[in-house]
Amino acid sequence: MKKLITIACALALSGCAAHSFDVMGENLAKVETVNQAVDILGMPDQHQTILGKDIYIWENGGTYSSATVNSDYTTDINHYEADCTIKVITDNIGSQNVISREYNGTRQACIPFMEALYDEFNSN
């Protein structure tokens, strides 16, 4: 029973954002230009130039909480750190053409990016 309640609470807290990392990766692969990435994800948190390529980086993270309701109806609150990073790499310095995209992190921290990409490419 404790596991069932934990799962229900986790779904409620996540807003039932069922978009998976696979869907996020599929949608991120559709981003073709830096301007398109900025339109979808907002301004990048970092910009780097390495080996003649521009790299734009979006980050999200922080401390998140999850609740577990015990069989005696007490609640355990757990806190954990989570982060998410998206990188978009161009073909040349100053170019808008995206040639590579990367993402990693935890699902909870990636939810804002997942939702923004999903809304852009999958909403009707």
C-alpha atoms as a PDB file:
ATOM      1  CA  MET A   1       0.000   0.000   0.000  1.00  0.00           C
ATOM      2  CA  LYS A   2       2.874   2.353   0.841  1.00  0.00           C
ATOM      3  CA  LYS A   3       4.337   1.936  -2.663  1.00  0.00           C
ATOM      4  CA  LEU A   4       0.977   2.586  -4.320  1.00  0.00           C
ATOM      5  CA  ILE A   5       0.504   5.801  -2.383  1.00  0.00           C
ATOM      6  CA  THR A   6       4.098   6.871  -3.136  1.00  0.00           C
ATOM      7  CA  ILE A   7       3.529   6.348  -6.854  1.00  0.00           C
ATOM      8  CA  ALA A   8       0.248   8.250  -6.752  1.00  0.00           C
ATOM      9  CA  CYS A   9       1.892  11.147  -4.918  1.00  0.00           C
ATOM     10  CA  ALA A  10       4.810  11.204  -7.334  1.00  0.00           C
ATOM     11  CA  LEU A  11       2.455  11.373 -10.312  1.00  0.00           C
ATOM     12  CA  ALA A  12       0.428  14.119  -8.698  1.00  0.00           C
ATOM     13  CA  LEU A  13       3.529  16.157  -7.865  1.00  0.00           C
ATOM     14  CA  SER A  14       4.940  15.791 -11.374  1.00  0.00           C
ATOM     15  CA  GLY A  15       1.723  17.050 -12.905  1.00  0.00           C
ATOM     16  CA  CYS A  16       1.533  13.728 -14.729  1.00  0.00           C
ATOM     17  CA  ALA A  17       4.147  14.947 -17.189  1.00  0.00           C
ATOM     18  CA  ALA A  18       4.568  11.590 -18.844  1.00  0.00           C
ATOM     19  CA  HIS A  19       6.967  12.763 -21.504  1.00  0.00           C
ATOM     20  CA  SER A  20       9.949  10.442 -21.448  1.00  0.00           C
ATOM     21  CA  PHE A  21      13.593  11.125 -22.162  1.00  0.00           C
ATOM     22  CA  ASP A  22      13.086   9.286 -25.464  1.00  0.00           C
ATOM     23  CA  VAL A  23      10.381  11.750 -26.513  1.00  0.00           C
ATOM     24  CA  MET A  24      12.554  14.629 -25.342  1.00  0.00           C
ATOM     25  CA  GLY A  25      15.432  13.311 -27.447  1.00  0.00           C
ATOM     26  CA  GLU A  26      13.186  12.870 -30.482  1.00  0.00           C
ATOM     27  CA  ASN A  27      11.882  16.412 -30.117  1.00  0.00           C
ATOM     28  CA  LEU A  28      15.316  17.897 -29.452  1.00  0.00           C
ATOM     29  CA  ALA A  29      16.539  16.243 -32.675  1.00  0.00           C
ATOM     30  CA  LYS A  30      13.992  18.374 -34.563  1.00  0.00           C
ATOM     31  CA  VAL A  31      15.703  21.610 -33.464  1.00  0.00           C
ATOM     32  CA  GLU A  32      17.552  22.881 -36.535  1.00  0.00           C
ATOM     33  CA  THR A  33      18.769  26.370 -35.600  1.00  0.00           C
ATOM     34  CA  VAL A  34      19.996  28.226 -32.532  1.00  0.00           C
ATOM     35  CA  ASN A  35      17.141  30.738 -32.892  1.00  0.00           C
ATOM     36  CA  GLN A  36      14.623  27.886 -32.857  1.00  0.00           C
ATOM     37  CA  ALA A  37      16.247  26.476 -29.682  1.00  0.00           C
ATOM     38  CA  VAL A  38      16.059  29.901 -28.033  1.00  0.00           C
ATOM     39  CA  ASP A  39      12.407  30.301 -29.071  1.00  0.00           C
ATOM     40  CA  ILE A  40      11.575  26.957 -27.445  1.00  0.00           C
ATOM     41  CA  LEU A  41      13.909  26.785 -24.432  1.00  0.00           C
ATOM     42  CA  GLY A  42      14.538  30.455 -23.694  1.00  0.00           C
ATOM     43  CA  MET A  43      17.916  32.163 -23.499  1.00  0.00           C
ATOM     44  CA  PRO A  44      20.790  29.761 -22.885  1.00  0.00           C
ATOM     45  CA  ASP A  45      22.530  29.798 -19.519  1.00  0.00           C
ATOM     46  CA  GLN A  46      25.984  29.495 -21.088  1.00  0.00           C
ATOM     47  CA  HIS A  47      27.773  29.889 -24.403  1.00  0.00           C
ATOM     48  CA  GLN A  48      31.144  28.339 -25.204  1.00  0.00           C
ATOM     49  CA  THR A  49      33.316  28.207 -28.303  1.00  0.00           C
ATOM     50  CA  ILE A  50      35.420  25.064 -28.667  1.00  0.00           C
ATOM     51  CA  LEU A  51      37.322  23.907 -31.757  1.00  0.00           C
ATOM     52  CA  GLY A  52      35.496  26.279 -34.076  1.00  0.00           C
ATOM     53  CA  LYS A  53      32.042  25.297 -32.840  1.00  0.00           C
ATOM     54  CA  ASP A  54      29.563  27.342 -30.804  1.00  0.00           C
ATOM     55  CA  ILE A  55      27.985  25.432 -27.914  1.00  0.00           C
ATOM     56  CA  TYR A  56      24.827  26.770 -26.284  1.00  0.00           C
ATOM     57  CA  ILE A  57      23.921  25.318 -22.896  1.00  0.00           C
ATOM     58  CA  TRP A  58      20.619  25.306 -21.004  1.00  0.00           C
ATOM     59  CA  GLU A  59      20.568  24.148 -17.394  1.00  0.00           C
ATOM     60  CA  ASN A  60      17.927  23.492 -14.786  1.00  0.00           C
ATOM     61  CA  GLY A  61      18.274  22.046 -11.330  1.00  0.00           C
ATOM     62  CA  GLY A  62      17.766  22.364  -7.661  1.00  0.00           C
ATOM     63  CA  THR A  63      16.475  20.585  -4.622  1.00  0.00           C
ATOM     64  CA  TYR A  64      13.297  18.599  -5.141  1.00  0.00           C
ATOM     65  CA  SER A  65      11.044  16.852  -2.662  1.00  0.00           C
ATOM     66  CA  SER A  66       8.992  13.710  -2.714  1.00  0.00           C
ATOM     67  CA  ALA A  67       6.460  12.558  -0.140  1.00  0.00           C
ATOM     68  CA  THR A  68       5.654   9.079   1.076  1.00  0.00           C
ATOM     69  CA  VAL A  69       2.531   8.396   3.128  1.00  0.00           C
ATOM     70  CA  ASN A  70       3.138   5.563   5.578  1.00  0.00           C
ATOM     71  CA  SER A  71       0.640   2.938   6.657  1.00  0.00           C
ATOM     72  CA  ASP A  72       0.166   4.841   9.946  1.00  0.00           C
ATOM     73  CA  TYR A  73      -0.728   7.935   7.872  1.00  0.00           C
ATOM     74  CA  THR A  74       2.450   9.786   8.772  1.00  0.00           C
ATOM     75  CA  THR A  75       4.348  11.361   5.900  1.00  0.00           C
ATOM     76  CA  ASP A  76       8.029  11.076   5.081  1.00  0.00           C
ATOM     77  CA  ILE A  77       9.459  13.928   3.036  1.00  0.00           C
ATOM     78  CA  ASN A  78      12.630  13.184   1.069  1.00  0.00           C
ATOM     79  CA  HIS A  79      14.786  15.896  -0.486  1.00  0.00           C
ATOM     80  CA  TYR A  80      17.190  15.291  -3.360  1.00  0.00           C
ATOM     81  CA  GLU A  81      19.335  17.255  -5.778  1.00  0.00           C
ATOM     82  CA  ALA A  82      18.541  16.999  -9.481  1.00  0.00           C
ATOM     83  CA  ASP A  83      19.853  18.661 -12.597  1.00  0.00           C
ATOM     84  CA  CYS A  84      19.361  18.728 -16.346  1.00  0.00           C
ATOM     85  CA  THR A  85      21.606  20.036 -19.123  1.00  0.00           C
ATOM     86  CA  ILE A  86      20.876  20.528 -22.811  1.00  0.00           C
ATOM     87  CA  LYS A  87      23.652  21.402 -25.283  1.00  0.00           C
ATOM     88  CA  VAL A  88      23.159  22.568 -28.847  1.00  0.00           C
ATOM     89  CA  ILE A  89      26.280  22.620 -31.038  1.00  0.00           C
ATOM     90  CA  THR A  90      26.628  24.546 -34.311  1.00  0.00           C
ATOM     91  CA  ASP A  91      28.710  23.734 -37.379  1.00  0.00           C
ATOM     92  CA  ASN A  92      30.837  26.921 -37.190  1.00  0.00           C
ATOM     93  CA  ILE A  93      31.396  29.955 -34.977  1.00  0.00           C
ATOM     94  CA  GLY A  94      28.515  32.376 -35.513  1.00  0.00           C
ATOM     95  CA  SER A  95      26.435  29.834 -37.414  1.00  0.00           C
ATOM     96  CA  GLN A  96      22.769  29.175 -36.691  1.00  0.00           C
ATOM     97  CA  ASN A  97      22.905  25.606 -38.061  1.00  0.00           C
ATOM     98  CA  VAL A  98      22.667  22.982 -35.320  1.00  0.00           C
ATOM     99  CA  ILE A  99      24.693  19.851 -36.051  1.00  0.00           C
ATOM    100  CA  SER A 100      24.528  18.134 -32.665  1.00  0.00           C
ATOM    101  CA  ARG A 101      22.303  18.075 -29.616  1.00  0.00           C
ATOM    102  CA  GLU A 102      22.958  16.518 -26.197  1.00  0.00           C
ATOM    103  CA  TYR A 103      20.987  16.189 -23.006  1.00  0.00           C
ATOM    104  CA  ASN A 104      21.471  14.527 -19.657  1.00  0.00           C
ATOM    105  CA  GLY A 105      20.181  14.749 -16.132  1.00  0.00           C
ATOM    106  CA  THR A 106      17.293  13.589 -14.059  1.00  0.00           C
ATOM    107  CA  ARG A 107      13.723  13.438 -15.268  1.00  0.00           C
ATOM    108  CA  GLN A 108      12.428  15.791 -12.568  1.00  0.00           C
ATOM    109  CA  ALA A 109      14.861  18.573 -13.471  1.00  0.00           C
ATOM    110  CA  CYS A 110      14.309  18.039 -17.224  1.00  0.00           C
ATOM    111  CA  ILE A 111      10.515  18.387 -17.059  1.00  0.00           C
ATOM    112  CA  PRO A 112      10.474  22.100 -18.062  1.00  0.00           C
ATOM    113  CA  PHE A 113      12.578  21.303 -21.151  1.00  0.00           C
ATOM    114  CA  MET A 114      10.538  18.174 -21.936  1.00  0.00           C
ATOM    115  CA  GLU A 115       7.302  20.126 -21.768  1.00  0.00           C
ATOM    116  CA  ALA A 116       8.590  23.040 -23.875  1.00  0.00           C
ATOM    117  CA  LEU A 117       9.863  20.672 -26.591  1.00  0.00           C
ATOM    118  CA  TYR A 118       6.697  18.562 -26.441  1.00  0.00           C
ATOM    119  CA  ASP A 119       4.473  21.629 -26.733  1.00  0.00           C
ATOM    120  CA  GLU A 120       6.457  22.848 -29.757  1.00  0.00           C
ATOM    121  CA  PHE A 121       6.496  19.621 -31.717  1.00  0.00           C
ATOM    122  CA  ASN A 122       3.561  17.518 -30.506  1.00  0.00           C
ATOM    123  CA  SER A 123       0.693  19.855 -29.650  1.00  0.00           C
ATOM    124  CA  ASN A 124      -2.203  19.966 -32.081  1.00  0.00           C
END
